[in-house]
Amino acid sequence: MSEQKELSEVEHIKTASRGLRGKIGTAIETGADGFEEDDKQLIKFHGMYQQKDRDRRKDDAGEFIENPTSFMIRGRIPGGRLTSDQYMVWDDLADKFGGGALRLTTRQSIQMHTILLKDLKPIMQAVHKVNLSTMGACGDVVRNVTQALNPWGNKELAQLDPIAQLLSDHFKYKSNAYAELWLGESQLNKEDEPDPIYGTTYLPRKFKIAVTLAGNNSVDIYTNDMGFAATLDANGNIDGYFAFAGGGLGMTHNKAETYPRAADLLGWIPEKDLISVAEGIVTSHRDFGDRTNRKHARLKYVLAEKGVEWFRSEVERRSGAKFDIDRKLPKWETPNYLGWTERADGTLALGFHTLSGRIKDFPDKPLKTALKDIISTFKLNVQVTADQDLVLMGIKKEDKDKLESKLKEYNVNPASPKPLYDRALACPALPTCGLALTESERSFPQLLESIQKVIDKLDLNDRAPIVRMTGCPNGCARPYSAEIGIVGQQAGGKYSLFFGGNPEGTKVGDYVAKKVPFADIPVQLEKAFEVWKKEGNPDERFGDFAARYSLDKFRELLGAM
């Protein structure tokens, strides 16, 4: 008889939560500073995390001076698509409650930090008034659905808009807790309907979905639990999808049973089978995911351990669909969206680069004010990108010079400084993230500047690598699918280096060095780049070269062996 493993603590919390309510309402009503331990898990399903400012000061007696409790709140924004009015609501909320800053996420969402508990409800209600929410933006459910960018106003890409919305809506949980607790909608204060997808225990862990057109990988589809790449018929209409499953990037240092993983292609399905196959994949995770060890609970481990063939058959059994495994994927390319683009309707779009997605007024660079001015003045629609940038759309050609003049007045440049910066990502890390081992976003500009000097020295700007940095191994800035991943490993500023991802994000890399001090990262990379320049092909990207050259050779070069 096999040993019965004990469910993780979070599984018990979900089961006893009364449909994700817990004691959240009591804390709101009594004006508490923060939530109880069990409720800290439940509030994630409502789109927030309870955090502490890890930089906060202490008095002479060693007691913290500042209020230790704050919240990060995140929007559910399918495809990252916002109207001008919706963006302005987030901008206004940041001024009122979020310390004057917004942050664009790698899931095409917006989040705010340093929120007080008493301000959560007004934020939720303001977001709700513009037909958005934070419901399910975190927690063990399907989170924000990402979608390929469309600065060109391309009609084929525009077909993804309702698909992203459909998937997002279909996988919302059925509990009325969100409306009851945050929106005050008494008409919804009724018994919850049964949830056929999530039940009472929801999923074993978070679940991420991306949709795109086959060949366009602006969403890093292989890093998602589930992805759909649409194909087109002769008239340019969606006729089916390549379905992917089992991607995910979280891991734990020195725990071999945890690892980043690229998704597998299950095959092609006709358009009519989209929802049934999506449900089959999600419910397979629900039923076979590990509920005893949260570090081993993502869908990727089900595929890795049971096999792609088994998983494909299981999804076919649940959905009634049949995968075409012979249809060939087109070559993946990641289109460049930065800068000015003419749209199909004759208007313009501006791909606006924002390093690490932090939108606030910096000294001598009032970025947040500038964006507020041009988005409100010119009534622009917005799409948040999976690379933490913004695409501003609907700019009349006659307004281009006026818009550029405004940006110059604010001393704000929407362009990326150099190719190295184009797709560089960093997670927030310290001081707000409780999981961070060391710095990421705050140190990233300094690190990129140092790496750029190496790139300039070796004349490699024409193929500058994709660099991503995180303050811990959970992978929020997708470091493992980058050509170079810099992953926080130890307090005091020590990092693991990962090589071997590629520009199109179709695979993940592996470590080549461990516990590298922050100051030594550019030195180590220069060693690697010198080998790349000497032995690589003239147009070979670093990630492709690293995989071909051998990661073991790099480990030896960088002293990891």
Protein backbone atom coordinates (compact mmCIF):
# COMPACT_ATOMS: atom_id res chain seq x y z
CA MET A 1 0.00 0.00 0.00
CA SER A 2 1.48 3.37 -1.04
CA GLU A 3 2.24 5.96 1.59
CA GLN A 4 -0.43 8.65 1.88
CA LYS A 5 1.23 12.06 1.93
CA GLU A 6 -0.15 14.88 4.03
CA LEU A 7 -1.71 17.75 2.10
CA SER A 8 0.12 21.06 2.32
CA GLU A 9 -1.15 23.63 4.80
CA VAL A 10 -2.47 25.86 2.03
CA GLU A 11 -4.73 23.04 0.80
CA HIS A 12 -6.42 22.91 4.20
CA ILE A 13 -6.77 26.70 4.24
CA LYS A 14 -8.50 26.69 0.84
CA THR A 15 -10.86 23.89 1.82
CA ALA A 16 -11.95 25.65 5.01
CA SER A 17 -12.11 29.12 3.42
CA ARG A 18 -15.90 29.31 2.83
CA GLY A 19 -15.38 30.09 -0.83
CA LEU A 20 -12.26 32.24 -0.33
CA ARG A 21 -13.86 34.40 2.37
CA GLY A 22 -12.04 33.28 5.49
CA LYS A 23 -11.97 36.13 7.99
CA ILE A 24 -11.11 38.74 5.38
CA GLY A 25 -14.36 40.64 5.93
CA THR A 26 -13.70 40.93 9.66
CA ALA A 27 -10.29 42.49 9.08
CA ILE A 28 -11.78 45.00 6.64
CA GLU A 29 -14.61 45.95 9.00
CA THR A 30 -12.45 46.30 12.12
CA GLY A 31 -9.77 48.37 10.44
CA ALA A 32 -7.01 45.87 11.17
CA ASP A 33 -3.43 46.58 10.17
CA GLY A 34 -3.14 43.29 8.30
CA PHE A 35 -4.71 39.89 7.79
CA GLU A 36 -4.34 36.72 9.85
CA GLU A 37 -1.95 34.03 8.63
CA ASP A 38 -4.57 31.90 6.87
CA ASP A 39 -6.11 34.93 5.22
CA LYS A 40 -2.74 35.99 3.83
CA GLN A 41 -3.11 32.99 1.55
CA LEU A 42 -6.74 33.72 0.66
CA ILE A 43 -6.25 37.38 -0.26
CA LYS A 44 -4.03 36.22 -3.13
CA PHE A 45 -7.17 34.95 -4.88
CA HIS A 46 -8.52 38.49 -4.61
CA GLY A 47 -5.45 39.92 -6.37
CA MET A 48 -3.06 40.97 -3.62
CA TYR A 49 -0.16 39.98 -1.39
CA GLN A 50 0.54 41.17 2.13
CA GLN A 51 4.10 42.47 2.31
CA LYS A 52 6.57 44.32 4.49
CA ASP A 53 8.95 47.10 3.59
CA ARG A 54 12.24 45.34 4.20
CA ASP A 55 14.09 48.67 4.15
CA ARG A 56 12.09 50.15 7.00
CA ARG A 57 14.06 51.91 9.74
CA LYS A 58 14.46 50.96 13.40
CA ASP A 59 14.67 53.21 16.44
CA ASP A 60 17.42 53.12 19.07
CA ALA A 61 15.69 50.22 20.84
CA GLY A 62 15.68 48.17 17.67
CA GLU A 63 11.93 48.54 17.06
CA PHE A 64 10.61 49.28 13.58
CA ILE A 65 9.49 52.89 13.18
CA GLU A 66 7.31 52.57 10.08
CA ASN A 67 4.12 50.59 9.79
CA PRO A 68 5.41 47.16 8.76
CA THR A 69 2.37 46.02 6.81
CA SER A 70 1.51 46.97 3.26
CA PHE A 71 0.02 45.32 0.20
CA MET A 72 0.79 44.77 -3.43
CA ILE A 73 -2.34 44.76 -5.59
CA ARG A 74 -2.45 43.54 -9.19
CA GLY A 75 -4.97 43.95 -11.99
CA ARG A 76 -6.66 41.31 -14.11
CA ILE A 77 -6.21 42.89 -17.54
CA PRO A 78 -6.60 40.29 -20.33
CA GLY A 79 -4.01 40.86 -23.03
CA GLY A 80 -2.79 43.98 -21.20
CA ARG A 81 -5.35 46.02 -23.15
CA LEU A 82 -6.55 49.29 -21.58
CA THR A 83 -8.59 52.21 -22.79
CA SER A 84 -7.37 55.72 -22.03
CA ASP A 85 -9.95 56.01 -19.24
CA GLN A 86 -8.91 52.68 -17.69
CA TYR A 87 -5.24 53.64 -17.68
CA MET A 88 -6.07 56.98 -16.08
CA VAL A 89 -7.89 55.24 -13.23
CA TRP A 90 -4.77 53.21 -12.44
CA ASP A 91 -2.67 56.37 -12.69
CA ASP A 92 -4.97 58.22 -10.28
CA LEU A 93 -5.01 55.31 -7.81
CA ALA A 94 -1.22 55.27 -7.79
CA ASP A 95 -1.20 58.92 -6.76
CA LYS A 96 -3.81 58.44 -4.05
CA PHE A 97 -2.71 55.14 -2.56
CA GLY A 98 0.42 53.72 -4.21
CA GLY A 99 3.14 56.23 -3.45
CA GLY A 100 2.88 57.76 -6.92
CA ALA A 101 4.12 54.69 -8.78
CA LEU A 102 2.78 51.97 -11.05
CA ARG A 103 4.58 48.84 -12.15
CA LEU A 104 4.06 47.00 -15.41
CA THR A 105 4.35 43.24 -15.04
CA THR A 106 5.60 40.46 -17.28
CA ARG A 107 1.98 39.18 -17.35
CA GLN A 108 0.81 42.36 -19.13
CA SER A 109 -0.76 43.65 -15.95
CA ILE A 110 -0.34 46.64 -13.64
CA GLN A 111 0.43 46.42 -9.96
CA MET A 112 0.86 48.89 -7.14
CA HIS A 113 2.88 48.53 -3.96
CA THR A 114 2.86 50.00 -0.42
CA ILE A 115 -0.96 49.97 -0.22
CA LEU A 116 -2.59 50.12 3.24
CA LEU A 117 -5.37 47.68 4.14
CA LYS A 118 -7.91 50.47 4.58
CA ASP A 119 -7.30 51.56 0.98
CA LEU A 120 -7.81 48.17 -0.66
CA LYS A 121 -11.59 48.45 -0.94
CA PRO A 122 -11.64 51.90 -2.60
CA ILE A 123 -9.05 50.65 -5.10
CA MET A 124 -11.10 47.55 -5.98
CA GLN A 125 -14.23 49.63 -6.44
CA ALA A 126 -12.54 52.21 -8.64
CA VAL A 127 -11.08 49.50 -10.87
CA HIS A 128 -14.49 47.77 -11.04
CA LYS A 129 -16.15 50.97 -12.28
CA VAL A 130 -14.05 50.83 -15.45
CA ASN A 131 -14.89 47.17 -16.08
CA LEU A 132 -11.68 45.70 -14.69
CA SER A 133 -10.87 43.79 -11.53
CA THR A 134 -8.10 42.23 -9.47
CA MET A 135 -10.04 38.97 -9.06
CA GLY A 136 -7.81 35.94 -9.57
CA ALA A 137 -4.76 38.03 -10.46
CA CYS A 138 -2.87 35.95 -7.88
CA GLY A 139 -3.59 32.64 -6.14
CA ASP A 140 -4.05 29.03 -7.21
CA VAL A 141 -6.21 29.79 -10.22
CA VAL A 142 -5.84 30.85 -13.85
CA ARG A 143 -4.23 34.27 -13.65
CA ASN A 144 -4.02 37.10 -16.18
CA VAL A 145 -4.17 35.79 -19.74
CA THR A 146 -1.42 37.25 -21.90
CA GLN A 147 -1.75 37.98 -25.58
CA ALA A 148 0.44 38.85 -28.56
CA LEU A 149 0.93 42.56 -29.13
CA ASN A 150 -0.79 44.40 -31.94
CA PRO A 151 0.69 47.88 -32.44
CA TRP A 152 0.02 47.48 -36.17
CA GLY A 153 -3.75 47.20 -35.78
CA ASN A 154 -3.44 43.96 -37.71
CA LYS A 155 -6.87 42.31 -38.22
CA GLU A 156 -5.44 38.81 -37.84
CA LEU A 157 -3.87 39.68 -34.49
CA ALA A 158 -7.02 41.54 -33.43
CA GLN A 159 -8.87 38.21 -33.49
CA LEU A 160 -6.96 37.31 -30.34
CA ASP A 161 -8.73 40.05 -28.34
CA PRO A 162 -11.95 38.09 -27.78
CA ILE A 163 -9.99 34.84 -27.35
CA ALA A 164 -7.93 36.25 -24.46
CA GLN A 165 -11.10 37.71 -22.93
CA LEU A 166 -13.00 34.43 -23.37
CA LEU A 167 -10.31 32.38 -21.65
CA SER A 168 -10.00 34.92 -18.85
CA ASP A 169 -13.74 34.98 -18.21
CA HIS A 170 -14.18 31.23 -18.56
CA PHE A 171 -11.64 30.47 -15.85
CA LYS A 172 -12.81 33.00 -13.26
CA TYR A 173 -13.80 31.27 -10.05
CA LYS A 174 -17.54 31.11 -9.23
CA SER A 175 -17.41 32.23 -5.59
CA ASN A 176 -19.18 35.52 -4.89
CA ALA A 177 -16.58 36.37 -2.24
CA TYR A 178 -14.87 39.05 -4.34
CA ALA A 179 -18.07 41.00 -5.00
CA GLU A 180 -19.26 40.64 -1.42
CA LEU A 181 -16.02 41.67 0.28
CA TRP A 182 -14.80 44.43 -1.98
CA LEU A 183 -17.60 45.75 -4.17
CA GLY A 184 -20.48 45.86 -1.71
CA GLU A 185 -22.83 44.39 -4.30
CA SER A 186 -25.56 43.02 -2.06
CA GLN A 187 -27.45 41.55 -4.99
CA LEU A 188 -24.61 39.06 -5.37
CA ASN A 189 -24.67 38.23 -1.68
CA LYS A 190 -26.12 34.80 -2.28
CA GLU A 191 -25.07 31.18 -2.10
CA ASP A 192 -22.14 30.37 -4.36
CA GLU A 193 -22.88 28.26 -7.39
CA PRO A 194 -20.84 25.03 -7.62
CA ASP A 195 -17.51 25.55 -9.35
CA PRO A 196 -17.09 22.79 -11.95
CA ILE A 197 -13.47 23.68 -12.66
CA TYR A 198 -12.00 24.67 -9.29
CA GLY A 199 -14.23 22.87 -6.79
CA THR A 200 -13.43 23.88 -3.20
CA THR A 201 -9.66 23.35 -3.34
CA TYR A 202 -8.94 25.27 -6.57
CA LEU A 203 -5.68 24.37 -8.36
CA PRO A 204 -2.52 23.00 -6.73
CA ARG A 205 -0.66 26.19 -7.75
CA LYS A 206 -0.94 29.20 -10.04
CA PHE A 207 -1.76 28.69 -13.71
CA LYS A 208 -0.65 30.93 -16.59
CA ILE A 209 -2.08 31.12 -20.11
CA ALA A 210 -0.81 32.87 -23.25
CA VAL A 211 -2.40 33.26 -26.68
CA THR A 212 -0.72 34.32 -29.90
CA LEU A 213 -0.56 33.66 -33.63
CA ALA A 214 1.63 30.76 -34.66
CA GLY A 215 5.09 32.17 -35.39
CA ASN A 216 4.75 35.23 -33.12
CA ASN A 217 6.35 34.68 -29.72
CA SER A 218 5.94 38.11 -28.16
CA VAL A 219 4.31 36.35 -25.16
CA ASP A 220 7.12 33.87 -24.39
CA ILE A 221 4.58 31.08 -24.87
CA TYR A 222 6.89 28.26 -23.77
CA THR A 223 7.09 29.68 -20.24
CA ASN A 224 3.32 29.25 -19.67
CA ASP A 225 1.36 26.40 -18.12
CA MET A 226 -0.83 26.48 -21.22
CA GLY A 227 -0.54 28.31 -24.52
CA PHE A 228 -2.48 28.54 -27.75
CA ALA A 229 -0.90 29.66 -31.03
CA ALA A 230 -3.64 30.36 -33.57
CA THR A 231 -3.47 29.35 -37.22
CA LEU A 232 -5.31 31.09 -40.06
CA ASP A 233 -7.32 29.85 -43.01
CA ALA A 234 -7.03 31.21 -46.56
CA ASN A 235 -9.23 34.19 -45.60
CA GLY A 236 -7.11 35.13 -42.60
CA ASN A 237 -9.58 33.83 -40.01
CA ILE A 238 -8.57 31.66 -37.06
CA ASP A 239 -9.23 28.00 -37.91
CA GLY A 240 -7.38 26.29 -35.07
CA TYR A 241 -4.58 26.34 -32.55
CA PHE A 242 -1.31 24.69 -31.68
CA ALA A 243 -1.76 23.79 -28.00
CA PHE A 244 1.12 23.86 -25.51
CA ALA A 245 1.30 22.72 -21.89
CA GLY A 246 3.76 22.35 -19.07
CA GLY A 247 5.92 25.46 -19.10
CA GLY A 248 6.95 27.17 -15.88
CA LEU A 249 10.02 28.80 -14.41
CA GLY A 250 9.96 28.62 -10.61
CA MET A 251 12.65 26.55 -8.89
CA THR A 252 14.56 26.35 -5.62
CA HIS A 253 18.34 26.49 -5.46
CA ASN A 254 19.93 23.12 -4.63
CA LYS A 255 16.60 21.27 -4.88
CA ALA A 256 16.97 18.96 -7.88
CA GLU A 257 13.29 18.07 -7.87
CA THR A 258 12.47 21.67 -8.83
CA TYR A 259 13.49 23.17 -12.15
CA PRO A 260 12.45 25.57 -14.92
CA ARG A 261 10.85 23.87 -17.90
CA ALA A 262 9.76 24.84 -21.41
CA ALA A 263 6.24 23.84 -22.46
CA ASP A 264 5.59 20.86 -24.73
CA LEU A 265 3.63 21.02 -27.96
CA LEU A 266 0.60 18.75 -27.58
CA GLY A 267 -0.50 19.20 -31.19
CA TRP A 268 -2.98 21.15 -33.30
CA ILE A 269 -6.71 21.38 -32.63
CA PRO A 270 -9.57 22.92 -34.66
CA GLU A 271 -10.99 26.22 -33.46
CA LYS A 272 -14.18 24.63 -32.08
CA ASP A 273 -12.21 22.61 -29.51
CA LEU A 274 -10.44 25.53 -27.80
CA ILE A 275 -12.46 25.65 -24.57
CA SER A 276 -12.87 21.91 -24.15
CA VAL A 277 -9.12 21.37 -24.56
CA ALA A 278 -8.33 24.30 -22.25
CA GLU A 279 -10.59 22.81 -19.62
CA GLY A 280 -8.99 19.41 -20.13
CA ILE A 281 -5.54 20.85 -19.48
CA VAL A 282 -6.58 22.92 -16.46
CA THR A 283 -8.56 20.12 -14.82
CA SER A 284 -5.72 17.67 -15.44
CA HIS A 285 -3.54 19.99 -13.40
CA ARG A 286 -6.27 20.19 -10.77
CA ASP A 287 -6.49 16.41 -10.47
CA PHE A 288 -2.86 15.33 -10.91
CA GLY A 289 -0.87 18.29 -9.58
CA ASP A 290 1.05 17.79 -6.34
CA ARG A 291 -0.97 19.06 -3.38
CA THR A 292 1.57 17.92 -0.79
CA ASN A 293 4.56 20.05 -1.81
CA ARG A 294 3.86 23.52 -3.20
CA LYS A 295 7.36 23.79 -4.64
CA HIS A 296 6.53 20.76 -6.79
CA ALA A 297 2.93 21.65 -7.63
CA ARG A 298 3.02 23.34 -11.04
CA LEU A 299 1.66 21.60 -14.13
CA LYS A 300 5.19 21.26 -15.55
CA TYR A 301 5.96 18.47 -13.08
CA VAL A 302 2.93 16.47 -14.18
CA LEU A 303 4.15 16.50 -17.79
CA ALA A 304 7.76 15.89 -16.84
CA GLU A 305 6.93 12.87 -14.69
CA LYS A 306 3.97 11.30 -16.49
CA GLY A 307 5.16 12.10 -20.00
CA VAL A 308 3.78 14.15 -22.87
CA GLU A 309 2.08 11.17 -24.52
CA TRP A 310 0.19 10.29 -21.34
CA PHE A 311 -0.84 13.90 -20.81
CA ARG A 312 -2.00 14.31 -24.42
CA SER A 313 -4.16 11.19 -24.09
CA GLU A 314 -5.61 12.41 -20.80
CA VAL A 315 -6.58 15.77 -22.30
CA GLU A 316 -8.11 14.04 -25.31
CA ARG A 317 -10.15 11.81 -22.98
CA ARG A 318 -11.43 14.79 -21.00
CA SER A 319 -12.10 17.09 -23.96
CA GLY A 320 -13.27 14.69 -26.65
CA ALA A 321 -10.86 16.42 -29.01
CA LYS A 322 -8.07 14.80 -31.03
CA PHE A 323 -4.67 16.44 -31.40
CA ASP A 324 -3.04 16.54 -34.83
CA ILE A 325 0.59 15.77 -33.96
CA ASP A 326 1.84 15.86 -37.55
CA ARG A 327 1.14 19.51 -38.31
CA LYS A 328 4.36 21.53 -38.25
CA LEU A 329 4.90 24.73 -36.36
CA PRO A 330 6.11 27.73 -38.36
CA LYS A 331 9.38 29.33 -37.34
CA TRP A 332 9.07 31.53 -34.28
CA GLU A 333 9.95 35.22 -34.46
CA THR A 334 9.52 37.97 -31.88
CA PRO A 335 8.52 41.16 -33.69
CA ASN A 336 9.99 44.44 -32.54
CA TYR A 337 7.29 46.81 -31.29
CA LEU A 338 9.45 49.64 -29.92
CA GLY A 339 9.33 53.03 -31.60
CA TRP A 340 6.83 54.38 -34.13
CA THR A 341 4.55 52.08 -36.13
CA GLU A 342 1.84 52.87 -38.68
CA ARG A 343 -1.43 51.10 -37.96
CA ALA A 344 -3.85 49.59 -40.46
CA ASP A 345 -6.39 52.37 -39.81
CA GLY A 346 -3.90 55.11 -40.69
CA THR A 347 -3.13 56.11 -37.11
CA LEU A 348 0.19 55.54 -35.35
CA ALA A 349 1.40 53.52 -32.39
CA LEU A 350 4.36 54.25 -30.16
CA GLY A 351 6.19 51.39 -28.46
CA PHE A 352 7.33 53.05 -25.23
CA HIS A 353 10.31 51.46 -23.46
CA THR A 354 10.22 51.49 -19.64
CA LEU A 355 13.10 49.69 -17.95
CA SER A 356 11.69 47.13 -15.48
CA GLY A 357 8.20 48.57 -15.93
CA ARG A 358 8.48 51.10 -13.11
CA ILE A 359 6.33 54.14 -13.91
CA LYS A 360 6.93 57.02 -11.55
CA ASP A 361 8.38 60.51 -11.64
CA PHE A 362 12.13 60.10 -11.40
CA PRO A 363 14.48 63.04 -10.66
CA ASP A 364 14.79 65.05 -13.91
CA LYS A 365 12.52 62.53 -15.66
CA PRO A 366 8.82 62.79 -14.71
CA LEU A 367 7.85 59.62 -16.57
CA LYS A 368 4.49 59.05 -14.89
CA THR A 369 3.38 62.65 -15.41
CA ALA A 370 4.46 62.56 -19.05
CA LEU A 371 2.52 59.37 -19.77
CA LYS A 372 -0.54 60.71 -17.98
CA ASP A 373 -0.40 63.88 -20.05
CA ILE A 374 -0.05 62.27 -23.48
CA ILE A 375 -2.48 59.37 -22.84
CA SER A 376 -5.20 61.72 -21.52
CA THR A 377 -4.58 64.54 -24.01
CA PHE A 378 -4.59 62.35 -27.10
CA LYS A 379 -7.08 59.75 -25.76
CA LEU A 380 -4.78 56.82 -26.46
CA ASN A 381 -5.47 53.15 -25.97
CA VAL A 382 -2.73 51.21 -24.25
CA GLN A 383 -1.37 47.69 -24.33
CA VAL A 384 1.01 46.56 -21.61
CA THR A 385 3.65 44.22 -23.02
CA ALA A 386 5.07 40.99 -21.62
CA ASP A 387 8.45 42.78 -21.61
CA GLN A 388 7.26 45.47 -19.16
CA ASP A 389 6.76 48.18 -21.77
CA LEU A 390 3.76 50.10 -23.09
CA VAL A 391 2.34 50.38 -26.59
CA LEU A 392 0.38 53.62 -27.04
CA MET A 393 -2.17 53.34 -29.86
CA GLY A 394 -4.53 55.55 -31.83
CA ILE A 395 -2.17 58.51 -32.33
CA LYS A 396 -3.29 60.73 -35.21
CA LYS A 397 -0.48 61.45 -37.66
CA GLU A 398 -1.01 65.17 -37.25
CA ASP A 399 -0.45 64.76 -33.49
CA LYS A 400 2.91 62.98 -33.73
CA ASP A 401 5.01 66.16 -33.55
CA LYS A 402 2.90 67.54 -30.69
CA LEU A 403 3.32 64.30 -28.74
CA GLU A 404 7.07 64.23 -29.30
CA SER A 405 7.32 67.87 -28.23
CA LYS A 406 5.53 67.10 -25.00
CA LEU A 407 7.93 64.25 -24.25
CA LYS A 408 10.92 66.51 -24.91
CA GLU A 409 9.48 69.11 -22.54
CA TYR A 410 9.32 66.43 -19.85
CA ASN A 411 12.82 65.16 -20.73
CA VAL A 412 11.31 61.70 -21.32
CA ASN A 413 12.68 59.52 -24.11
CA PRO A 414 10.46 56.56 -25.12
CA ALA A 415 13.30 54.80 -26.92
CA SER A 416 15.43 52.00 -25.54
CA PRO A 417 19.00 53.26 -24.93
CA LYS A 418 20.65 50.38 -26.83
CA PRO A 419 19.70 46.88 -28.06
CA LEU A 420 20.85 45.32 -24.76
CA TYR A 421 18.00 47.17 -23.03
CA ASP A 422 15.26 46.31 -25.53
CA ARG A 423 14.02 43.10 -23.90
CA ALA A 424 15.86 43.23 -20.58
CA LEU A 425 13.66 42.42 -17.59
CA ALA A 426 13.97 42.59 -13.81
CA CYS A 427 11.60 41.64 -10.98
CA PRO A 428 10.79 44.07 -8.10
CA ALA A 429 12.69 42.04 -5.44
CA LEU A 430 13.76 44.20 -2.47
CA PRO A 431 12.37 45.99 -0.58
CA THR A 432 8.78 44.78 -1.05
CA CYS A 433 8.95 41.13 -2.09
CA GLY A 434 9.09 38.74 0.86
CA LEU A 435 10.75 36.04 -1.25
CA ALA A 436 13.65 38.15 -2.49
CA LEU A 437 17.09 36.96 -1.43
CA THR A 438 18.83 39.99 -2.86
CA GLU A 439 18.42 42.97 -5.19
CA SER A 440 17.06 42.99 -8.73
CA GLU A 441 15.18 46.01 -10.08
CA ARG A 442 17.08 48.60 -8.05
CA SER A 443 20.47 47.21 -9.12
CA PHE A 444 19.52 46.41 -12.70
CA PRO A 445 20.34 49.80 -14.30
CA GLN A 446 23.83 49.72 -12.81
CA LEU A 447 24.35 46.13 -13.97
CA LEU A 448 23.12 46.81 -17.50
CA GLU A 449 25.43 49.81 -17.73
CA SER A 450 28.38 47.60 -16.79
CA ILE A 451 27.37 44.87 -19.25
CA GLN A 452 26.88 47.48 -21.96
CA LYS A 453 30.51 48.56 -21.55
CA VAL A 454 31.57 44.98 -22.24
CA ILE A 455 29.25 44.80 -25.28
CA ASP A 456 30.73 48.07 -26.61
CA LYS A 457 34.28 46.92 -25.95
CA LEU A 458 33.76 43.71 -27.91
CA ASP A 459 31.62 45.35 -30.62
CA LEU A 460 28.63 43.05 -30.08
CA ASN A 461 25.75 45.55 -30.17
CA ASP A 462 24.30 44.03 -33.32
CA ARG A 463 23.51 40.82 -31.40
CA ALA A 464 23.34 42.04 -27.81
CA PRO A 465 21.94 39.21 -25.66
CA ILE A 466 18.65 39.15 -23.80
CA VAL A 467 19.43 39.61 -20.10
CA ARG A 468 16.95 39.12 -17.29
CA MET A 469 17.44 39.41 -13.55
CA THR A 470 15.57 38.21 -10.47
CA GLY A 471 16.20 38.54 -6.75
CA CYS A 472 15.29 34.90 -6.08
CA PRO A 473 14.89 31.67 -8.08
CA ASN A 474 11.11 31.91 -8.56
CA GLY A 475 11.59 33.29 -12.06
CA CYS A 476 9.11 36.17 -12.18
CA ALA A 477 11.15 38.06 -14.81
CA ARG A 478 11.61 34.89 -16.91
CA PRO A 479 15.41 34.65 -16.45
CA TYR A 480 15.70 30.99 -17.43
CA SER A 481 14.32 31.49 -20.95
CA ALA A 482 16.67 34.43 -21.55
CA GLU A 483 20.06 34.11 -23.17
CA ILE A 484 21.51 35.20 -19.83
CA GLY A 485 19.63 34.73 -16.59
CA ILE A 486 20.93 36.38 -13.42
CA VAL A 487 19.19 34.77 -10.47
CA GLY A 488 19.49 35.84 -6.83
CA GLN A 489 20.96 33.04 -4.77
CA GLN A 490 22.20 34.43 -1.48
CA ALA A 491 21.70 37.49 0.68
CA GLY A 492 24.45 40.04 0.33
CA GLY A 493 24.28 40.16 -3.44
CA LYS A 494 25.26 36.76 -4.80
CA TYR A 495 23.73 35.31 -7.94
CA SER A 496 23.61 32.23 -10.13
CA LEU A 497 24.21 32.71 -13.85
CA PHE A 498 22.15 30.76 -16.38
CA PHE A 499 23.04 30.43 -20.06
CA GLY A 500 21.35 28.66 -22.93
CA GLY A 501 17.92 30.18 -23.43
CA ASN A 502 17.43 31.68 -26.87
CA PRO A 503 16.04 34.89 -28.39
CA GLU A 504 12.77 33.23 -29.40
CA GLY A 505 12.19 31.72 -25.95
CA THR A 506 11.73 28.12 -27.11
CA LYS A 507 13.92 26.56 -24.43
CA VAL A 508 15.31 27.21 -20.97
CA GLY A 509 18.93 27.47 -19.93
CA ASP A 510 20.90 25.98 -17.07
CA TYR A 511 23.33 27.31 -14.51
CA VAL A 512 26.97 27.99 -15.45
CA ALA A 513 28.07 29.72 -12.24
CA LYS A 514 26.86 29.97 -8.66
CA LYS A 515 27.20 32.50 -5.86
CA VAL A 516 28.72 35.15 -8.12
CA PRO A 517 29.06 38.51 -6.30
CA PHE A 518 27.14 41.31 -7.99
CA ALA A 519 30.34 43.22 -8.84
CA ASP A 520 31.81 40.15 -10.54
CA ILE A 521 28.92 39.51 -12.94
CA PRO A 522 30.22 41.77 -15.75
CA VAL A 523 33.70 40.26 -15.30
CA GLN A 524 32.32 36.74 -15.69
CA LEU A 525 30.20 37.73 -18.66
CA GLU A 526 33.18 39.34 -20.38
CA LYS A 527 35.01 36.00 -20.21
CA ALA A 528 32.03 34.30 -21.82
CA PHE A 529 31.55 37.02 -24.45
CA GLU A 530 35.20 36.82 -25.50
CA VAL A 531 34.77 33.12 -26.25
CA TRP A 532 31.51 33.86 -28.08
CA LYS A 533 33.14 36.54 -30.23
CA LYS A 534 36.15 34.37 -31.01
CA GLU A 535 34.45 31.03 -31.66
CA GLY A 536 30.87 31.91 -32.56
CA ASN A 537 29.57 32.43 -36.07
CA PRO A 538 29.37 36.07 -37.20
CA ASP A 539 25.58 36.34 -36.71
CA GLU A 540 25.18 33.71 -33.97
CA ARG A 541 23.26 34.83 -30.91
CA PHE A 542 24.82 34.18 -27.51
CA GLY A 543 22.13 31.78 -26.31
CA ASP A 544 22.46 29.60 -29.40
CA PHE A 545 26.24 29.67 -29.15
CA ALA A 546 26.20 28.77 -25.46
CA ALA A 547 24.08 25.69 -26.12
CA ARG A 548 26.28 24.64 -29.04
CA TYR A 549 29.58 25.40 -27.34
CA SER A 550 28.62 23.40 -24.22
CA LEU A 551 27.46 24.69 -20.89
CA ASP A 552 30.02 22.47 -19.19
CA LYS A 553 32.79 24.40 -20.93
CA PHE A 554 31.29 27.61 -19.61
CA ARG A 555 31.08 26.14 -16.12
CA GLU A 556 34.77 25.33 -16.32
CA LEU A 557 35.58 28.78 -17.69
CA LEU A 558 33.59 30.53 -14.95
CA GLY A 559 34.84 28.32 -12.14
CA ALA A 560 31.62 26.45 -11.44
CA MET A 561 33.21 23.00 -11.88
